Amino acid sequence: MPSRYRDQLTSEYGGRLVATIDPMAKCLLLYPIDVWEEIQKKIEALSSFNPETRKFQRMMIGYATDVEMDGSGRILLSQVLRNHAELDKHVALVGQGKKLELWSETNWAEQTELWLSQASAGGELPAELQSLSL
């Protein structure tokens, strides 16, 4: 874990995180424990009668794993999680506000290349982004 994240995660959350799969991408989602507990409550509150909602619940909650940073800021991920994200020695850790995404360096490069090519091909922005000024 890079020091810019490690220090805050240690001081605010005791280095306790939850790792789960991203059901829409080949990456892992890392949440500080307190943030995950709020998200888990919202996911559990969804109706389990909708097959798509139930699938989402199974993926997000079913793969959720408590992890703890060691003194060097490392976390130990299960083989199941590493397999989903195709992680090897080279990874990309991407800050996303209240969570982090963990990608294999190769998958991250391929995904960003795809997103950039779609954007340059004139892809339409979603309505909620069209009013955003950067």
Protein backbone atom coordinates (compact mmCIF):
# COMPACT_ATOMS: atom_id res chain seq x y z
CA MET A 1 0.00 0.00 0.00
CA PRO A 2 1.53 3.34 -0.96
CA SER A 3 2.30 5.57 2.02
CA ARG A 4 -0.19 8.25 0.93
CA TYR A 5 -3.01 5.71 1.52
CA ARG A 6 -1.32 3.62 4.22
CA ASP A 7 -1.02 6.44 6.75
CA GLN A 8 -4.68 7.42 6.54
CA LEU A 9 -5.92 3.83 6.47
CA THR A 10 -3.85 3.01 9.54
CA SER A 11 -4.81 6.09 11.55
CA GLU A 12 -8.54 6.10 10.69
CA TYR A 13 -9.31 2.38 10.28
CA GLY A 14 -6.48 0.55 12.04
CA GLY A 15 -5.35 -0.84 8.67
CA ARG A 16 -8.51 -2.95 8.43
CA LEU A 17 -9.98 -3.30 4.94
CA VAL A 18 -12.45 -5.46 3.07
CA ALA A 19 -11.53 -6.80 -0.36
CA THR A 20 -14.15 -8.05 -2.79
CA ILE A 21 -14.48 -8.56 -6.50
CA ASP A 22 -15.83 -5.97 -8.87
CA PRO A 23 -18.69 -7.79 -10.62
CA MET A 24 -18.31 -5.57 -13.69
CA ALA A 25 -14.53 -5.60 -14.18
CA LYS A 26 -11.50 -7.80 -13.64
CA CYS A 27 -10.34 -5.92 -10.56
CA LEU A 28 -10.75 -5.97 -6.81
CA LEU A 29 -12.43 -3.34 -4.69
CA LEU A 30 -10.80 -2.41 -1.38
CA TYR A 31 -12.90 -0.62 1.21
CA PRO A 32 -11.96 0.63 4.67
CA ILE A 33 -13.86 -1.56 7.13
CA ASP A 34 -16.27 1.17 8.29
CA VAL A 35 -17.13 2.18 4.72
CA TRP A 36 -17.72 -1.47 3.74
CA GLU A 37 -20.08 -2.05 6.66
CA GLU A 38 -22.34 0.76 5.42
CA ILE A 39 -22.24 -0.55 1.84
CA GLN A 40 -22.95 -4.10 2.98
CA LYS A 41 -26.06 -2.93 4.84
CA LYS A 42 -27.33 -1.24 1.67
CA ILE A 43 -26.63 -4.33 -0.45
CA GLU A 44 -28.34 -6.61 2.07
CA ALA A 45 -31.40 -4.33 2.09
CA LEU A 46 -31.97 -4.90 -1.63
CA SER A 47 -34.67 -7.35 -2.64
CA SER A 48 -33.38 -10.86 -3.17
CA PHE A 49 -36.34 -11.65 -5.43
CA ASN A 50 -34.82 -9.83 -8.40
CA PRO A 51 -32.36 -12.27 -10.05
CA GLU A 52 -29.92 -9.52 -11.08
CA THR A 53 -29.94 -7.98 -7.60
CA ARG A 54 -29.44 -11.41 -6.04
CA LYS A 55 -26.49 -12.09 -8.35
CA PHE A 56 -24.95 -8.76 -7.34
CA GLN A 57 -25.44 -9.57 -3.63
CA ARG A 58 -23.82 -12.96 -4.07
CA MET A 59 -20.82 -11.50 -5.83
CA MET A 60 -20.16 -8.46 -3.63
CA ILE A 61 -20.93 -10.00 -0.24
CA GLY A 62 -19.99 -13.59 -1.07
CA TYR A 63 -16.43 -12.65 -2.03
CA ALA A 64 -15.95 -10.01 0.67
CA THR A 65 -12.87 -10.82 2.71
CA ASP A 66 -11.48 -8.98 5.72
CA VAL A 67 -7.83 -8.08 5.20
CA GLU A 68 -5.42 -6.23 7.44
CA MET A 69 -2.33 -4.27 6.48
CA ASP A 70 0.87 -5.48 8.07
CA GLY A 71 3.58 -3.14 9.37
CA SER A 72 4.90 -2.67 5.83
CA GLY A 73 1.47 -1.80 4.41
CA ARG A 74 1.01 -5.14 2.65
CA ILE A 75 -2.23 -7.11 2.52
CA LEU A 76 -2.67 -10.83 1.95
CA LEU A 77 -5.28 -11.66 -0.68
CA SER A 78 -6.81 -15.09 -1.20
CA GLN A 79 -6.08 -17.00 -4.38
CA VAL A 80 -9.74 -16.70 -5.39
CA LEU A 81 -9.56 -12.90 -5.30
CA ARG A 82 -6.18 -12.84 -7.07
CA ASN A 83 -7.53 -15.13 -9.79
CA HIS A 84 -10.57 -12.91 -10.42
CA ALA A 85 -8.39 -9.84 -10.96
CA GLU A 86 -5.63 -11.81 -12.69
CA LEU A 87 -3.10 -10.33 -10.26
CA ASP A 88 0.58 -11.10 -10.53
CA LYS A 89 3.67 -9.18 -9.44
CA HIS A 90 2.76 -5.93 -11.19
CA VAL A 91 -0.43 -4.22 -10.05
CA ALA A 92 -2.11 -0.83 -10.33
CA LEU A 93 -3.79 0.63 -7.26
CA VAL A 94 -6.35 3.25 -8.30
CA GLY A 95 -7.89 5.62 -5.76
CA GLN A 96 -11.64 6.03 -6.19
CA GLY A 97 -12.78 8.27 -3.36
CA LYS A 98 -13.99 6.01 -0.55
CA LYS A 99 -12.53 2.87 -2.10
CA LEU A 100 -9.48 1.65 -3.97
CA GLU A 101 -9.40 -0.53 -7.06
CA LEU A 102 -6.67 -3.12 -7.46
CA TRP A 103 -5.93 -4.12 -11.07
CA SER A 104 -3.29 -6.21 -12.74
CA GLU A 105 -1.02 -3.74 -14.49
CA THR A 106 -1.83 -5.39 -17.84
CA ASN A 107 -5.62 -5.28 -17.36
CA TRP A 108 -5.45 -1.66 -16.19
CA ALA A 109 -3.46 -0.63 -19.27
CA GLU A 110 -5.85 -2.48 -21.59
CA GLN A 111 -8.93 -1.04 -19.90
CA THR A 112 -7.68 2.55 -19.95
CA GLU A 113 -6.69 2.15 -23.61
CA LEU A 114 -10.23 0.94 -24.37
CA TRP A 115 -11.84 3.81 -22.45
CA LEU A 116 -9.64 6.39 -24.17
CA SER A 117 -10.33 4.97 -27.63
CA GLN A 118 -14.07 4.99 -26.93
CA ALA A 119 -13.89 8.60 -25.74
CA SER A 120 -11.90 9.73 -28.77
CA ALA A 121 -14.35 7.92 -31.06
CA GLY A 122 -17.01 10.38 -29.91
CA GLY A 123 -18.71 8.31 -27.23
CA GLU A 124 -21.60 10.16 -25.62
CA LEU A 125 -21.20 11.13 -21.98
CA PRO A 126 -23.92 10.04 -19.56
CA ALA A 127 -26.35 12.84 -18.69
CA GLU A 128 -25.02 13.16 -15.11
CA LEU A 129 -21.53 13.92 -16.46
CA GLN A 130 -22.54 16.42 -19.13
CA SER A 131 -23.12 19.20 -16.61
CA LEU A 132 -19.86 18.54 -14.73
CA SER A 133 -17.15 21.14 -15.22
CA LEU A 134 -13.60 19.95 -14.68
